[in-house]
Amino acid sequence: MSKGHWEDLAAKKRKELEASIPAEWRIPNHLLPPADQDNVTSFPEESGWFTPEELAITSQTALQLLPKLASGELKSEAVTRAFCKRAVAAHQLTNCLSETCFDRAISTAKKLDEHLAQTGKPVGPLHGLPISLKDNFNLIGLDSTVGFASHVGDPAKYESILADLLREAGAVFYVKTNVPTAMMIAETVNNVFGRTVNPLNRKLTSGGSSGGESALIAFKGSPLGVGTDIGGSLRIPAACTGIFTLRPSFGRFPTLRCRSGMPGQEAVQSVNGPLTRTLADLEFYSKTVVDAEPWHYDPRCLPIPWRSVSLPSKLRIAVMWDDGMALPTPPVTRALRRAVKSLEAAGHEVVEWSSKDQPDGQKLLDRMFVADGGKAIRRELERTGEPLRPEMAMYGRARELGGLEYWQLHLDRQEYQKRYLDRWLQAKIDAILCPTTPYSSVENGKFRHVGYTGVYNVLDYACISFPSGVTVDKSVDLALDDTYKPLSDLDKAIQAEYNPDSVHGMPVNLQLVAQRLEEEKCIEMCKVVLDVLS
């Protein structure tokens, strides 16, 4: 069924988004930074557009804000208004939002303030805290376009289970954030809203598919956001912007009633998780969600309470220098070497992890993504005549698998998971330390490889992407010379496109991988790694 032409629908949607932003929060033209200013993260402090109170509120982490909200020292309405205004600024400078519900947010915040004044008690552990959500989380009355023109003007009639759970804990929803088409590109770009850019350097990508979230959080337009991950969609944006995220195993956090870009695709499960500026905020959010016993609301959640973990005094960590498909760019290798050296100096045992099984994992992921022959994605595009984006060419040429072939894919996945588990147990390791991506970040349109993250979606392992403390230095992180023999054509392209000048000063993230359902252990191990790196 046709809904109209995609360009008309996209233009209408962009107009609606602009109209939803109050004039009082919109940066006046004379204060806007020049279009060629790359780093806009200091704009709020330097512009004079924000009050001292707004700056004081929005510079705090979730765990700094929550006790003040719970005691009444800070009003939820004031905190919500401050983040609404800063989110608008983030959007004007990076194009990171897809939906707003500012009136609803302020009304919710006022009710929470009244509840606290009348009862003396917060409603829950997230009392009064604004939380941003990726576009695919359904909120009643708002679209979840997931980058398709065909979903414009189709507001949700129900809430995502996670949204219900967070609201009951006291969260205030105020914005939803931009994603790529179908959430299946490693950058955030679609034909409805266009491209989200990185606030640390607007010539670079904020990653994908949770790149609206990462841009917003890096700009401090949100104290805490929630994204999703099916092939790296949390970890890649966190890496591109130098923030924290947890990719949990399926079943820890509720995923029910979200919009999917490929509904019914369950060979590799999509999961959701927090994007934060600190590990402490990440841990608090994760514990809060699990403490709400989500298995009572989502039948696929596992009844595993949040567990306290005691680590061995000396960890045994395997380092994977590359994935056999693409060498990391020089700053990522430098960050990994520094981390290994620091861990060894602190007395931890570091062993080598061969990348021999990584390419098979990536091939499995690729097969899973196009098992329907790209039909789910093309169906949505065809409803409005929307073109397939060039980044998604594989969905245009894929062949649909038959039922028996699809079953075989599941058997191949099972065999792969068993092979990897056996290797892990034989090596007696606690974790794998490796790149999150081959890049710190990369110029818009040049993100080429999700293998470092995607393999762990196939395995369903708990992973954290975390800032390593290293930033790119163009005088040190020189491009490889002609003597380097590339691992593949993909690697050759990545190394040829690496430009130390364009990423100078960007943060470098690494990835810590634990076993399946070891979220608590992964967080505790990340504390150890951060401690030795500091």
Protein backbone atom coordinates (compact mmCIF):
# COMPACT_ATOMS: atom_id res chain seq x y z
CA MET A 1 0.00 0.00 0.00
CA SER A 2 1.45 3.37 -1.04
CA LYS A 3 1.53 6.13 1.57
CA GLY A 4 2.57 8.95 -0.73
CA HIS A 5 5.97 9.94 -2.06
CA TRP A 6 8.96 9.56 0.23
CA GLU A 7 10.32 13.07 -0.41
CA ASP A 8 7.00 14.68 0.54
CA LEU A 9 6.72 12.55 3.68
CA ALA A 10 10.33 13.27 4.69
CA ALA A 11 9.89 17.02 4.19
CA LYS A 12 6.66 16.95 6.23
CA LYS A 13 8.41 15.05 9.04
CA ARG A 14 11.37 17.45 9.17
CA LYS A 15 8.94 20.39 9.27
CA GLU A 16 7.02 18.79 12.17
CA LEU A 17 10.26 18.22 14.10
CA GLU A 18 11.30 21.86 13.62
CA ALA A 19 7.84 23.08 14.67
CA SER A 20 8.04 21.02 17.89
CA ILE A 21 11.05 23.05 19.10
CA PRO A 22 10.04 26.14 21.10
CA ALA A 23 11.57 29.43 19.93
CA GLU A 24 12.78 30.12 23.50
CA TRP A 25 15.21 27.15 23.30
CA ARG A 26 16.40 27.68 19.73
CA ILE A 27 19.92 29.17 19.45
CA PRO A 28 19.61 32.62 17.81
CA ASN A 29 21.33 32.82 14.42
CA HIS A 30 23.87 35.40 15.58
CA LEU A 31 25.11 33.01 18.31
CA LEU A 32 25.44 29.90 16.12
CA PRO A 33 29.05 28.75 15.61
CA PRO A 34 30.31 28.95 12.02
CA ALA A 35 29.46 25.96 9.82
CA ASP A 36 33.16 25.13 9.49
CA GLN A 37 33.72 24.93 13.29
CA ASP A 38 34.38 21.22 13.83
CA ASN A 39 34.23 20.80 17.62
CA VAL A 40 31.03 22.28 19.08
CA THR A 41 31.07 20.58 22.51
CA SER A 42 32.22 23.77 24.25
CA PHE A 43 29.48 25.89 22.63
CA PRO A 44 27.16 25.82 25.69
CA GLU A 45 29.91 27.20 27.97
CA GLU A 46 31.29 29.73 25.48
CA SER A 47 28.15 31.06 23.80
CA GLY A 48 26.45 32.89 26.67
CA TRP A 49 23.20 31.23 25.51
CA PHE A 50 22.88 29.09 28.68
CA THR A 51 22.37 30.37 32.23
CA PRO A 52 24.87 29.38 34.95
CA GLU A 53 22.13 27.17 36.48
CA GLU A 54 21.49 25.39 33.16
CA LEU A 55 25.22 24.77 32.70
CA ALA A 56 25.59 23.54 36.29
CA ILE A 57 22.70 21.08 35.84
CA THR A 58 23.67 19.72 32.42
CA SER A 59 27.34 19.25 33.29
CA GLN A 60 26.44 16.72 36.01
CA THR A 61 26.29 12.94 35.58
CA ALA A 62 23.16 10.92 36.31
CA LEU A 63 24.54 9.78 39.68
CA GLN A 64 25.34 13.37 40.65
CA LEU A 65 21.82 14.52 39.75
CA LEU A 66 19.77 11.68 41.25
CA PRO A 67 20.44 12.30 44.99
CA LYS A 68 19.62 16.00 44.49
CA LEU A 69 16.42 15.14 42.65
CA ALA A 70 15.45 12.60 45.32
CA SER A 71 16.02 15.12 48.15
CA GLY A 72 14.30 18.02 46.38
CA GLU A 73 17.51 20.06 46.28
CA LEU A 74 16.96 20.12 42.51
CA LYS A 75 13.47 20.22 40.98
CA SER A 76 12.81 17.77 38.15
CA GLU A 77 11.16 20.57 36.20
CA ALA A 78 14.34 22.70 36.30
CA VAL A 79 16.53 19.73 35.37
CA THR A 80 14.20 18.69 32.55
CA ARG A 81 14.01 22.22 31.11
CA ALA A 82 17.81 22.52 31.19
CA PHE A 83 18.30 19.25 29.30
CA CYS A 84 15.52 20.09 26.83
CA LYS A 85 17.29 23.34 25.97
CA ARG A 86 20.71 21.68 25.67
CA ALA A 87 19.21 18.87 23.56
CA VAL A 88 17.79 21.48 21.18
CA ALA A 89 21.24 23.06 20.88
CA ALA A 90 22.76 19.61 20.23
CA HIS A 91 20.19 19.07 17.49
CA GLN A 92 20.81 22.43 15.85
CA LEU A 93 24.53 21.67 15.73
CA THR A 94 24.55 17.91 14.98
CA ASN A 95 21.06 16.92 13.71
CA CYS A 96 20.68 14.27 16.43
CA LEU A 97 16.93 14.27 17.23
CA SER A 98 14.02 12.49 15.54
CA GLU A 99 11.16 13.23 17.96
CA THR A 100 10.46 15.60 20.87
CA CYS A 101 7.82 15.52 23.60
CA PHE A 102 8.81 18.60 25.61
CA ASP A 103 5.35 19.52 26.94
CA ARG A 104 4.78 15.94 28.09
CA ALA A 105 8.23 15.91 29.74
CA ILE A 106 7.63 19.13 31.69
CA SER A 107 4.18 17.93 32.77
CA THR A 108 5.73 14.63 33.98
CA ALA A 109 8.50 16.50 35.81
CA LYS A 110 5.98 18.79 37.58
CA LYS A 111 3.97 15.76 38.75
CA LEU A 112 7.14 14.15 40.10
CA ASP A 113 8.02 17.36 41.97
CA GLU A 114 4.49 17.47 43.44
CA HIS A 115 4.73 13.82 44.50
CA LEU A 116 8.02 14.49 46.31
CA ALA A 117 6.63 17.62 48.00
CA GLN A 118 3.51 15.79 49.20
CA THR A 119 5.00 12.44 50.27
CA GLY A 120 8.65 13.28 50.96
CA LYS A 121 9.59 10.23 48.89
CA PRO A 122 10.88 9.80 45.33
CA VAL A 123 8.79 7.56 43.07
CA GLY A 124 11.78 5.33 42.30
CA PRO A 125 15.53 5.13 41.74
CA LEU A 126 15.42 7.33 38.59
CA HIS A 127 13.15 9.97 40.14
CA GLY A 128 12.97 13.08 37.96
CA LEU A 129 15.89 12.16 35.67
CA PRO A 130 15.53 13.01 31.96
CA ILE A 131 16.45 10.00 29.81
CA SER A 132 16.80 10.10 26.02
CA LEU A 133 15.68 7.14 23.91
CA LYS A 134 16.75 5.89 20.50
CA ASP A 135 14.06 6.36 17.85
CA ASN A 136 12.89 2.71 17.84
CA PHE A 137 11.57 2.80 21.43
CA ASN A 138 7.82 3.28 21.15
CA LEU A 139 6.25 6.14 23.11
CA ILE A 140 2.49 6.66 22.69
CA GLY A 141 1.68 9.38 20.17
CA LEU A 142 5.17 9.64 18.68
CA ASP A 143 6.42 8.13 15.42
CA SER A 144 9.17 5.53 15.39
CA THR A 145 10.26 5.94 11.79
CA VAL A 146 13.59 4.10 12.19
CA GLY A 147 14.69 6.15 9.19
CA PHE A 148 11.91 4.99 6.81
CA ALA A 149 9.60 7.50 5.11
CA SER A 150 6.90 4.79 5.18
CA HIS A 151 6.66 5.06 8.99
CA VAL A 152 6.08 8.85 8.99
CA GLY A 153 2.67 9.68 10.46
CA ASP A 154 2.29 6.30 12.18
CA PRO A 155 2.40 7.22 15.88
CA ALA A 156 2.83 4.44 18.43
CA LYS A 157 -0.34 3.19 20.11
CA TYR A 158 1.59 1.55 22.95
CA GLU A 159 4.84 1.98 24.91
CA SER A 160 7.95 -0.15 24.76
CA ILE A 161 8.22 -2.39 27.82
CA LEU A 162 11.52 -0.74 28.73
CA ALA A 163 9.90 2.72 28.58
CA ASP A 164 7.16 1.55 30.97
CA LEU A 165 9.77 0.16 33.34
CA LEU A 166 11.94 3.31 33.29
CA ARG A 167 8.93 5.59 33.75
CA GLU A 168 7.81 3.60 36.79
CA ALA A 169 11.34 4.13 38.17
CA GLY A 170 10.85 7.90 37.79
CA ALA A 171 12.41 8.68 34.40
CA VAL A 172 11.28 11.65 32.31
CA PHE A 173 11.22 11.15 28.51
CA TYR A 174 11.80 14.28 26.44
CA VAL A 175 13.46 13.33 23.11
CA LYS A 176 14.02 10.42 20.76
CA THR A 177 17.18 10.31 18.67
CA ASN A 178 18.08 9.78 15.04
CA VAL A 179 19.10 6.43 13.52
CA PRO A 180 20.15 5.19 10.05
CA THR A 181 17.68 3.57 7.67
CA ALA A 182 16.34 0.38 9.33
CA MET A 183 19.11 0.88 11.92
CA MET A 184 21.36 -1.15 9.61
CA ILE A 185 24.21 1.29 8.79
CA ALA A 186 27.23 1.92 11.05
CA GLU A 187 26.71 5.68 10.66
CA THR A 188 23.55 7.65 11.41
CA VAL A 189 22.08 8.75 8.09
CA ASN A 190 18.69 8.25 6.47
CA ASN A 191 16.47 9.79 3.79
CA VAL A 192 14.00 11.30 6.30
CA PHE A 193 16.14 13.32 8.72
CA GLY A 194 19.52 13.23 6.98
CA ARG A 195 22.87 12.75 8.71
CA THR A 196 23.81 13.09 12.37
CA VAL A 197 27.37 14.33 12.86
CA ASN A 198 29.87 14.05 15.71
CA PRO A 199 29.88 17.06 18.11
CA LEU A 200 33.60 16.48 18.81
CA ASN A 201 34.28 16.98 15.10
CA ARG A 202 31.39 17.58 12.72
CA LYS A 203 33.37 16.27 9.75
CA LEU A 204 33.33 12.84 11.46
CA THR A 205 30.57 10.32 12.12
CA SER A 206 28.97 9.81 15.53
CA GLY A 207 28.60 6.14 14.56
CA GLY A 208 25.50 4.04 14.12
CA SER A 209 22.97 2.94 14.57
CA SER A 210 22.62 4.69 17.97
CA GLY A 211 24.49 7.74 16.65
CA GLY A 212 21.79 10.25 17.55
CA GLU A 213 22.16 9.12 21.16
CA SER A 214 25.97 9.25 21.16
CA ALA A 215 26.01 12.76 19.64
CA LEU A 216 23.44 14.00 22.18
CA ILE A 217 25.27 12.50 25.18
CA ALA A 218 28.71 13.69 24.06
CA PHE A 219 27.21 17.20 23.84
CA LYS A 220 25.72 16.72 27.36
CA GLY A 221 22.21 17.16 25.98
CA SER A 222 21.25 14.01 27.92
CA PRO A 223 22.58 12.64 31.21
CA LEU A 224 21.83 9.07 30.14
CA GLY A 225 20.44 7.51 26.97
CA VAL A 226 19.29 4.11 25.77
CA GLY A 227 20.24 2.60 22.42
CA THR A 228 20.21 -0.83 20.79
CA ASP A 229 22.81 -3.19 19.31
CA ILE A 230 22.48 -5.95 16.71
CA GLY A 231 25.95 -5.72 15.14
CA GLY A 232 27.68 -2.97 17.13
CA SER A 233 24.99 -0.27 17.20
CA LEU A 234 25.74 0.71 20.81
CA ARG A 235 29.48 0.09 20.86
CA ILE A 236 30.38 1.82 17.58
CA PRO A 237 28.65 5.14 18.45
CA ALA A 238 30.17 5.04 21.95
CA ALA A 239 33.60 4.54 20.38
CA CYS A 240 33.12 7.37 17.87
CA THR A 241 32.29 9.85 20.65
CA GLY A 242 34.42 8.56 23.56
CA ILE A 243 31.64 7.47 25.93
CA PHE A 244 30.63 4.22 27.69
CA THR A 245 28.15 1.55 26.73
CA LEU A 246 27.19 -2.00 27.68
CA ARG A 247 26.03 -4.50 25.08
CA PRO A 248 24.26 -7.03 27.32
CA SER A 249 23.43 -10.60 26.41
CA PHE A 250 19.89 -11.15 25.18
CA GLY A 251 17.47 -11.65 28.08
CA ARG A 252 18.99 -9.28 30.65
CA PHE A 253 17.07 -6.14 29.57
CA PRO A 254 13.54 -6.11 28.09
CA THR A 255 13.29 -5.66 24.31
CA LEU A 256 9.56 -6.17 23.75
CA ARG A 257 7.40 -3.68 21.80
CA CYS A 258 10.17 -1.77 20.08
CA ARG A 259 10.05 -1.11 16.35
CA SER A 260 12.51 -3.17 14.33
CA GLY A 261 14.06 -2.36 10.98
CA MET A 262 13.78 -6.07 10.11
CA PRO A 263 10.85 -7.38 12.19
CA GLY A 264 10.99 -11.09 12.94
CA GLN A 265 14.73 -11.43 12.23
CA GLU A 266 15.90 -13.38 15.27
CA ALA A 267 18.90 -15.36 14.03
CA VAL A 268 20.89 -12.65 15.81
CA GLN A 269 18.96 -10.86 18.54
CA SER A 270 18.85 -7.11 18.99
CA VAL A 271 19.52 -5.98 22.58
CA ASN A 272 19.35 -2.58 24.26
CA GLY A 273 21.67 -0.89 26.72
CA PRO A 274 22.77 2.42 28.24
CA LEU A 275 25.03 5.09 26.75
CA THR A 276 26.67 7.16 29.49
CA ARG A 277 29.60 9.45 30.22
CA THR A 278 30.73 7.35 33.21
CA LEU A 279 30.98 3.66 34.07
CA ALA A 280 29.23 4.36 37.39
CA ASP A 281 26.15 5.67 35.55
CA LEU A 282 26.21 2.61 33.28
CA GLU A 283 26.30 0.25 36.26
CA PHE A 284 23.54 2.10 38.12
CA TYR A 285 21.23 2.04 35.10
CA SER A 286 21.86 -1.67 34.46
CA LYS A 287 21.19 -2.63 38.08
CA THR A 288 18.06 -0.47 38.15
CA VAL A 289 16.59 -2.20 35.08
CA VAL A 290 17.35 -5.71 36.35
CA ASP A 291 16.16 -4.85 39.89
CA ALA A 292 12.75 -4.02 38.35
CA GLU A 293 12.45 -7.76 37.50
CA PRO A 294 11.72 -7.26 33.79
CA TRP A 295 10.97 -10.98 33.35
CA HIS A 296 7.51 -10.20 34.73
CA TYR A 297 6.85 -7.89 31.74
CA ASP A 298 8.85 -9.39 28.87
CA PRO A 299 8.52 -13.19 28.52
CA ARG A 300 11.97 -13.39 26.89
CA CYS A 301 13.78 -11.80 29.83
CA LEU A 302 15.71 -14.20 32.04
CA PRO A 303 14.92 -14.23 35.78
CA ILE A 304 18.50 -13.45 36.78
CA PRO A 305 18.80 -10.81 39.54
CA TRP A 306 21.70 -8.34 39.56
CA ARG A 307 24.62 -10.22 41.13
CA SER A 308 27.62 -9.04 43.12
CA VAL A 309 30.87 -10.34 41.64
CA SER A 310 34.23 -10.86 43.28
CA LEU A 311 37.07 -10.97 40.77
CA PRO A 312 40.34 -12.86 41.18
CA SER A 313 43.12 -10.53 42.36
CA LYS A 314 44.91 -11.09 39.05
CA LEU A 315 42.86 -11.25 35.86
CA ARG A 316 43.79 -13.37 32.86
CA ILE A 317 42.96 -11.27 29.81
CA ALA A 318 43.39 -12.26 26.17
CA VAL A 319 44.37 -9.47 23.79
CA MET A 320 43.21 -9.58 20.19
CA TRP A 321 45.35 -7.14 18.17
CA ASP A 322 43.29 -7.44 15.01
CA ASP A 323 40.34 -9.50 13.73
CA GLY A 324 42.09 -10.99 10.70
CA MET A 325 39.89 -8.86 8.41
CA ALA A 326 41.02 -5.28 9.06
CA LEU A 327 43.93 -3.97 11.11
CA PRO A 328 42.94 -1.18 13.50
CA THR A 329 44.19 2.28 12.50
CA PRO A 330 47.40 3.38 14.31
CA PRO A 331 45.81 5.27 17.26
CA VAL A 332 43.67 2.24 18.17
CA THR A 333 46.71 -0.07 18.11
CA ARG A 334 48.59 2.45 20.28
CA ALA A 335 45.72 2.54 22.82
CA LEU A 336 45.60 -1.26 22.91
CA ARG A 337 49.38 -1.53 23.44
CA ARG A 338 49.21 1.00 26.26
CA ALA A 339 46.36 -0.92 27.93
CA VAL A 340 48.24 -4.23 27.68
CA LYS A 341 51.41 -2.67 29.11
CA SER A 342 49.45 -1.12 32.00
CA LEU A 343 47.67 -4.40 32.81
CA GLU A 344 50.94 -6.34 32.82
CA ALA A 345 52.62 -3.68 34.98
CA ALA A 346 49.75 -4.08 37.49
CA GLY A 347 50.41 -7.84 37.68
CA HIS A 348 47.58 -9.11 35.47
CA GLU A 349 48.27 -11.89 33.00
CA VAL A 350 47.86 -11.00 29.34
CA VAL A 351 47.81 -13.73 26.69
CA GLU A 352 47.35 -13.53 22.92
CA TRP A 353 43.97 -14.31 21.34
CA SER A 354 44.14 -15.52 17.75
CA SER A 355 41.68 -13.94 15.33
CA LYS A 356 41.31 -17.24 13.45
CA ASP A 357 37.58 -17.58 14.23
CA GLN A 358 36.57 -13.94 13.66
CA PRO A 359 35.99 -14.04 9.87
CA ASP A 360 33.59 -16.99 10.22
CA GLY A 361 31.58 -15.02 12.78
CA GLN A 362 31.34 -12.03 10.47
CA LYS A 363 30.21 -14.25 7.56
CA LEU A 364 27.47 -15.71 9.77
CA LEU A 365 26.28 -12.21 10.73
CA ASP A 366 26.17 -11.12 7.09
CA ARG A 367 24.10 -14.21 6.18
CA MET A 368 21.68 -13.54 9.05
CA PHE A 369 21.13 -9.90 8.05
CA VAL A 370 20.08 -10.78 4.48
CA ALA A 371 18.42 -14.17 5.04
CA ASP A 372 15.10 -12.71 3.82
CA GLY A 373 16.76 -11.54 0.59
CA GLY A 374 16.44 -7.95 1.82
CA LYS A 375 12.63 -8.15 1.47
CA ALA A 376 11.70 -6.57 4.83
CA ILE A 377 13.73 -3.44 4.09
CA ARG A 378 12.74 -3.21 0.42
CA ARG A 379 9.05 -3.61 1.32
CA GLU A 380 9.17 -0.46 3.47
CA LEU A 381 11.11 1.49 0.84
CA GLU A 382 8.74 0.48 -1.96
CA ARG A 383 5.69 1.75 -0.08
CA THR A 384 6.85 5.33 -0.75
CA GLY A 385 9.24 4.90 -3.66
CA GLU A 386 12.16 5.62 -1.31
CA PRO A 387 15.54 4.66 -2.82
CA LEU A 388 17.85 2.13 -1.19
CA ARG A 389 20.78 4.01 0.31
CA PRO A 390 24.17 3.12 -1.21
CA GLU A 391 25.46 1.93 2.21
CA MET A 392 22.77 -0.79 2.10
CA ALA A 393 23.56 -2.27 -1.34
CA MET A 394 23.80 -5.80 0.13
CA TYR A 395 20.04 -5.72 0.86
CA GLY A 396 19.35 -4.98 -2.81
CA ARG A 397 21.27 -7.93 -4.23
CA ALA A 398 20.67 -10.59 -1.54
CA ARG A 399 19.03 -13.95 -2.25
CA GLU A 400 16.28 -15.13 0.09
CA LEU A 401 17.06 -18.37 1.91
CA GLY A 402 14.61 -21.25 1.88
CA GLY A 403 13.34 -22.70 5.16
CA LEU A 404 15.84 -25.57 5.16
CA GLU A 405 18.73 -23.20 4.41
CA TYR A 406 17.61 -20.97 7.28
CA TRP A 407 17.60 -23.91 9.65
CA GLN A 408 21.12 -24.74 8.47
CA LEU A 409 22.15 -21.16 9.29
CA HIS A 410 20.98 -21.75 12.88
CA LEU A 411 22.99 -24.98 13.03
CA ASP A 412 26.08 -23.18 11.72
CA ARG A 413 25.59 -20.49 14.38
CA GLN A 414 25.30 -23.12 17.11
CA GLU A 415 28.47 -24.89 15.94
CA TYR A 416 30.33 -21.55 15.88
CA GLN A 417 29.17 -20.61 19.39
CA LYS A 418 30.32 -23.99 20.72
CA ARG A 419 33.71 -23.73 19.00
CA TYR A 420 34.32 -20.27 20.48
CA LEU A 421 33.18 -21.31 23.96
CA ASP A 422 35.50 -24.33 23.95
CA ARG A 423 38.44 -22.12 22.97
CA TRP A 424 37.57 -19.63 25.72
CA LEU A 425 37.34 -22.29 28.43
CA GLN A 426 40.51 -24.02 27.24
CA ALA A 427 42.39 -20.70 27.42
CA LYS A 428 41.03 -20.13 30.98
CA ILE A 429 40.57 -16.41 30.33
CA ASP A 430 38.39 -13.87 32.12
CA ALA A 431 37.94 -11.52 29.16
CA ILE A 432 39.09 -10.50 25.70
CA LEU A 433 40.47 -6.98 25.21
CA CYS A 434 40.30 -5.74 21.63
CA PRO A 435 39.37 -2.76 19.44
CA THR A 436 35.73 -1.67 19.28
CA THR A 437 36.23 -0.54 15.70
CA PRO A 438 39.25 0.00 13.46
CA TYR A 439 38.83 3.75 14.05
CA SER A 440 38.79 6.44 16.72
CA SER A 441 36.10 7.91 14.52
CA VAL A 442 36.21 8.41 10.75
CA GLU A 443 35.04 10.98 8.19
CA ASN A 444 31.32 10.94 7.40
CA GLY A 445 30.58 8.26 4.82
CA LYS A 446 33.77 6.24 5.36
CA PHE A 447 32.88 3.75 8.12
CA ARG A 448 33.60 0.35 6.55
CA HIS A 449 33.87 -2.46 9.09
CA VAL A 450 31.73 -3.78 11.98
CA GLY A 451 33.61 -7.07 12.47
CA TYR A 452 35.11 -6.16 15.84
CA THR A 453 31.62 -5.80 17.34
CA GLY A 454 29.36 -7.96 15.15
CA VAL A 455 31.04 -11.28 15.92
CA TYR A 456 30.12 -10.85 19.59
CA ASN A 457 26.46 -10.35 18.63
CA VAL A 458 26.54 -13.76 16.96
CA LEU A 459 28.09 -15.16 20.16
CA ASP A 460 25.77 -13.05 22.40
CA TYR A 461 28.63 -12.08 24.74
CA ALA A 462 28.49 -9.21 27.24
CA CYS A 463 30.71 -6.35 26.03
CA ILE A 464 31.65 -2.84 27.14
CA SER A 465 33.00 -0.14 24.85
CA PHE A 466 35.00 2.29 27.01
CA PRO A 467 37.27 5.33 26.51
CA SER A 468 40.90 4.24 26.80
CA GLY A 469 42.26 7.64 27.85
CA VAL A 470 44.21 7.87 24.58
CA THR A 471 43.47 10.59 22.03
CA VAL A 472 44.72 10.64 18.47
CA ASP A 473 48.00 12.49 17.99
CA LYS A 474 48.70 13.18 14.31
CA SER A 475 52.44 13.49 14.99
CA VAL A 476 52.58 9.99 16.54
CA ASP A 477 49.74 8.05 14.89
CA LEU A 478 51.15 8.15 11.37
CA ALA A 479 49.59 6.21 8.50
CA LEU A 480 51.21 2.87 7.66
CA ASP A 481 53.74 3.01 4.85
CA ASP A 482 53.92 1.01 1.62
CA THR A 483 55.73 -1.89 3.30
CA TYR A 484 52.50 -2.90 5.11
CA LYS A 485 50.83 -5.96 3.56
CA PRO A 486 47.04 -5.55 3.99
CA LEU A 487 44.99 -8.39 5.49
CA SER A 488 42.29 -7.95 2.81
CA ASP A 489 40.94 -5.49 0.22
CA LEU A 490 38.78 -4.07 3.01
CA ASP A 491 41.88 -3.53 5.15
CA LYS A 492 43.67 -1.92 2.20
CA ALA A 493 40.81 0.60 1.81
CA ILE A 494 40.66 1.38 5.55
CA GLN A 495 44.41 2.01 5.78
CA ALA A 496 44.43 4.06 2.55
CA GLU A 497 41.63 6.29 3.87
CA TYR A 498 43.15 6.78 7.33
CA ASN A 499 44.04 10.46 7.74
CA PRO A 500 45.71 11.39 11.05
CA ASP A 501 45.00 15.10 10.47
CA SER A 502 41.24 14.56 10.21
CA VAL A 503 40.96 12.60 13.51
CA HIS A 504 43.61 14.51 15.53
CA GLY A 505 42.46 14.91 19.15
CA MET A 506 39.66 12.32 18.94
CA PRO A 507 39.22 9.88 21.86
CA VAL A 508 39.98 6.19 21.31
CA ASN A 509 37.72 3.51 22.79
CA LEU A 510 38.54 -0.15 23.35
CA GLN A 511 36.25 -3.13 23.86
CA LEU A 512 36.17 -5.51 26.82
CA VAL A 513 34.40 -8.79 26.10
CA ALA A 514 33.12 -11.15 28.81
CA GLN A 515 31.24 -14.42 28.49
CA ARG A 516 27.51 -14.62 27.80
CA LEU A 517 25.34 -13.22 30.64
CA GLU A 518 28.41 -11.92 32.51
CA GLU A 519 27.32 -8.26 32.52
CA GLU A 520 28.21 -7.75 36.20
CA LYS A 521 31.66 -9.32 35.73
CA CYS A 522 32.26 -7.24 32.59
CA ILE A 523 31.56 -4.03 34.54
CA GLU A 524 33.81 -5.07 37.44
CA MET A 525 36.63 -5.98 35.05
CA CYS A 526 36.21 -2.66 33.24
CA LYS A 527 36.72 -0.88 36.60
CA VAL A 528 40.02 -2.75 36.96
CA VAL A 529 41.11 -1.79 33.44
CA LEU A 530 40.18 1.86 33.95
CA ASP A 531 42.02 1.88 37.26
CA VAL A 532 45.27 0.62 35.71
CA LEU A 533 44.90 3.03 32.78
CA SER A 534 44.53 6.01 35.09
